[in-house]
Protein backbone atom coordinates (compact mmCIF):
# COMPACT_ATOMS: atom_id res chain seq x y z
CA MET A 1 38.84 75.62 131.37
CA LEU A 2 40.85 72.58 132.33
CA PHE A 3 39.01 70.58 129.70
CA THR A 4 40.03 73.10 127.06
CA ASP A 5 43.62 73.07 128.20
CA ALA A 6 43.76 69.20 128.16
CA VAL A 7 42.27 69.03 124.64
CA THR A 8 44.67 71.59 123.37
CA ALA A 9 47.58 69.70 124.96
CA ILE A 10 46.56 66.46 123.28
CA SER A 11 46.11 68.19 119.87
CA ILE A 12 49.59 69.75 120.04
CA THR A 13 51.01 66.33 121.05
CA LEU A 14 49.34 64.58 118.15
CA LEU A 15 51.31 66.81 115.79
CA ILE A 16 54.50 64.83 116.50
CA LEU A 17 53.04 61.36 115.88
CA PRO A 18 53.52 61.37 112.07
CA LEU A 19 57.23 62.23 112.67
CA VAL A 20 57.58 59.38 115.06
CA ASP A 21 56.10 57.10 112.44
CA LEU A 22 58.95 58.05 110.11
CA VAL A 23 61.51 56.24 112.30
CA PRO A 24 60.35 52.62 111.58
CA GLU A 25 59.64 53.59 107.92
CA THR A 26 63.17 54.78 107.50
CA ALA A 27 64.58 51.79 109.25
CA SER A 28 62.59 49.35 107.17
CA ALA A 29 63.75 51.05 104.01
CA HIS A 30 67.40 50.51 105.33
CA GLU A 31 68.14 54.23 105.22
CA HIS A 32 70.49 56.02 107.54
CA ALA A 33 69.01 57.40 110.79
CA SER A 34 69.72 60.89 109.58
CA GLU A 35 67.25 60.40 106.80
CA VAL A 36 64.45 60.76 109.38
CA ILE A 37 65.50 64.37 109.57
CA THR A 38 67.13 65.24 106.30
CA GLY A 39 64.65 63.45 104.14
CA HIS A 40 61.55 64.89 105.66
CA PHE A 41 61.91 68.64 105.90
CA ASP A 42 58.37 69.32 104.69
CA GLN A 43 56.90 67.19 107.46
CA ILE A 44 59.19 68.77 110.10
CA TRP A 45 58.43 72.32 108.86
CA SER A 46 54.66 71.64 109.02
CA PHE A 47 55.03 70.24 112.52
CA LEU A 48 56.89 73.31 113.71
CA LEU A 49 54.52 75.69 111.96
CA SER A 50 51.45 74.08 113.56
CA PHE A 51 53.13 73.70 116.99
CA ALA A 52 53.78 77.44 116.93
CA VAL A 53 50.17 78.22 115.70
CA ILE A 54 48.52 76.01 118.33
CA ALA A 55 50.80 77.39 121.13
CA ASN A 56 49.91 80.87 120.11
CA ILE A 57 46.14 80.35 119.87
CA TRP A 58 46.20 78.48 123.22
CA ARG A 59 48.11 81.44 124.80
CA GLU A 60 45.46 83.91 123.38
CA HIS A 61 42.66 81.68 124.61
CA HIS A 62 44.24 81.37 128.06
CA ARG A 63 44.61 85.18 128.09
CA THR A 64 40.90 85.57 127.15
CA PHE A 65 39.63 83.25 129.84
CA SER A 66 42.03 84.21 132.64
CA SER A 67 39.42 86.41 134.29
CA VAL A 68 36.23 84.55 133.27
CA THR A 69 34.34 83.26 136.31
CA LYS A 70 31.05 82.23 134.81
CA LEU A 71 30.06 80.39 131.62
CA THR A 72 26.99 80.74 129.46
CA ARG A 73 25.57 78.27 127.02
CA ALA A 74 26.63 80.47 124.08
CA LEU A 75 30.16 80.92 125.48
CA THR A 76 30.54 77.18 125.90
CA MET A 77 29.22 76.45 122.42
CA TRP A 78 31.72 78.91 120.79
CA ASN A 79 34.48 77.49 122.95
CA MET A 80 33.57 74.01 121.62
CA GLY A 81 33.75 75.32 118.03
CA TRP A 82 37.23 76.81 118.87
CA LEU A 83 38.26 73.43 120.29
CA LEU A 84 37.07 71.67 117.18
CA SER A 85 39.35 73.82 115.11
CA VAL A 86 42.21 73.02 117.38
CA VAL A 87 41.46 69.27 117.24
CA VAL A 88 41.17 69.28 113.42
CA LEU A 89 44.46 71.23 112.94
CA PRO A 90 46.75 68.09 113.00
CA LEU A 91 44.96 66.78 109.94
CA PRO A 92 45.82 69.67 107.52
CA THR A 93 49.25 69.73 109.18
CA GLU A 94 49.87 66.16 108.16
CA MET A 95 48.51 66.93 104.71
CA LEU A 96 50.81 69.87 104.51
CA GLY A 97 53.84 67.80 105.30
CA THR A 98 52.74 65.14 102.72
CA PHE A 99 51.29 67.25 99.85
CA GLY A 100 53.35 70.40 100.28
CA ARG A 101 52.00 73.60 98.71
CA ASP A 102 48.89 72.09 97.35
CA ARG A 103 46.09 74.68 97.07
CA PHE A 104 43.43 72.45 98.65
CA VAL A 105 45.79 71.70 101.63
CA GLY A 106 46.46 75.46 101.97
CA ALA A 107 42.79 76.31 101.86
CA PHE A 108 41.97 73.55 104.42
CA TYR A 109 44.77 74.73 106.75
CA TYR A 110 43.65 78.40 106.50
CA ALA A 111 39.97 77.63 106.89
CA THR A 112 40.69 75.69 110.03
CA LEU A 113 42.57 78.55 111.53
CA LEU A 114 40.01 81.11 110.44
CA ALA A 115 37.21 79.01 111.98
CA GLY A 116 39.02 79.00 115.32
CA MET A 117 39.59 82.76 115.12
CA VAL A 118 35.99 83.50 114.37
CA CYS A 119 34.97 81.35 117.37
CA ARG A 120 37.43 83.25 119.60
CA THR A 121 36.08 86.58 118.31
CA ALA A 122 32.51 85.43 119.08
CA MET A 123 33.57 84.47 122.62
CA LEU A 124 35.19 87.85 123.14
CA ARG A 125 32.06 89.60 121.89
CA ILE A 126 30.01 87.71 124.50
CA LEU A 127 32.48 88.66 127.25
CA LYS A 128 32.47 92.26 126.03
CA THR A 129 28.71 92.53 126.11
CA THR A 130 28.31 90.60 129.33
CA PRO A 131 30.96 91.85 131.77
CA ALA A 132 29.25 90.09 134.71
CA LEU A 133 30.95 86.90 133.41
CA LEU A 134 34.34 88.41 134.34
CA GLU A 135 36.07 88.19 137.69
CA GLU A 136 36.35 91.96 138.04
CA ASP A 137 33.41 93.96 136.85
CA GLY A 138 34.76 97.40 136.26
CA GLU A 139 36.05 99.84 133.70
CA ALA A 140 39.53 98.23 133.53
CA ALA A 141 38.02 94.72 132.82
CA ARG A 142 35.73 96.15 130.14
CA ALA A 143 38.59 98.05 128.48
CA ARG A 144 40.81 94.89 128.57
CA THR A 145 38.07 92.77 127.09
CA GLY A 146 37.34 95.50 124.54
CA ASP A 147 41.02 95.58 123.51
CA LEU A 148 41.12 91.73 123.18
CA TYR A 149 38.02 91.88 121.04
CA ALA A 150 39.43 94.61 118.80
CA GLU A 151 42.71 92.65 118.43
CA SER A 152 40.75 89.46 117.54
CA CYS A 153 38.73 91.25 114.88
CA LEU A 154 42.00 92.57 113.41
CA ASN A 155 43.41 88.94 113.54
CA VAL A 156 40.36 87.66 111.65
CA LEU A 157 40.87 90.36 109.01
CA ALA A 158 44.60 89.66 108.76
CA LEU A 159 44.04 85.89 108.36
CA ALA A 160 41.39 86.55 105.75
CA ILE A 161 43.85 88.62 103.74
CA ALA A 162 46.59 85.94 104.30
CA PHE A 163 44.18 83.28 103.13
CA ALA A 164 43.48 85.31 99.92
CA ILE A 165 47.26 85.75 99.34
CA ALA A 166 47.91 82.05 99.97
CA LEU A 167 45.31 81.10 97.37
CA ALA A 168 46.43 83.73 94.83
CA VAL A 169 50.19 83.29 95.17
CA PRO A 170 50.92 79.62 96.22
CA VAL A 171 54.65 80.29 96.64
CA LEU A 172 53.74 82.71 99.49
CA GLN A 173 51.17 80.21 100.91
CA TYR A 174 52.34 79.90 104.50
CA TYR A 175 54.56 83.02 104.62
CA SER A 176 51.44 85.04 104.45
CA LEU A 177 50.73 83.93 108.06
CA LEU A 178 53.29 86.53 109.04
CA LEU A 179 50.48 89.03 108.59
CA LEU A 180 49.22 87.90 111.95
CA ALA A 181 52.08 89.81 113.58
CA ALA A 182 50.44 93.09 112.50
CA PRO A 183 47.36 93.20 114.81
CA PRO A 184 49.30 92.97 118.06
CA SER A 185 51.70 95.67 116.77
CA LEU A 186 48.84 97.93 115.80
CA MET A 187 47.24 97.41 119.29
CA ARG A 188 50.55 98.35 120.99
CA LEU A 189 50.84 101.42 118.75
CA ARG A 190 47.21 102.38 119.66
CA HIS A 191 48.06 102.07 123.40
CA ARG A 192 51.13 104.14 123.10
CA ARG A 193 49.19 106.89 121.40
CA ALA A 194 46.43 106.79 123.90
CA ALA A 195 48.93 107.03 126.75
CA ARG A 196 50.31 110.37 125.38
């Protein structure tokens, strides 16, 4: 999974390059240095949003693959699809910083995230149905993978709802991503109830 980590690290690093390009543009326009920050809040906000998104999806991916010892062709192909979504994300991020709350940009951004989440869910489905790929083959490993799969399915549902909200109410476009906080909370609540 070193390849996946490296590609993700490169993608998250690429997010900053458009902001770095603002420095010579600001200087050549004879503006104050502070204009790099104060005059480009949309670009900075889109950078921070996508940095947080990529960091979170990498963390989830790392959590998924922490106990995987064998790869199958299907698992590798879904992982490549997931990586493609991560590599593409800097493009809608730059478009978001440039075009703001444009519906096409919002749809592109959400579709990229949704594609990555669907790929992750497919990988978890493979791991759930083929526990021999996991380091520990036991009831605990199956339960953990089953929980990750259930949470991933909830994430896909939450993102699909957020996507619909973003298209229907453009002013809420990226705030609807806060719905992604619900699935982990629901899973924690489920675990607390099961522990009683």
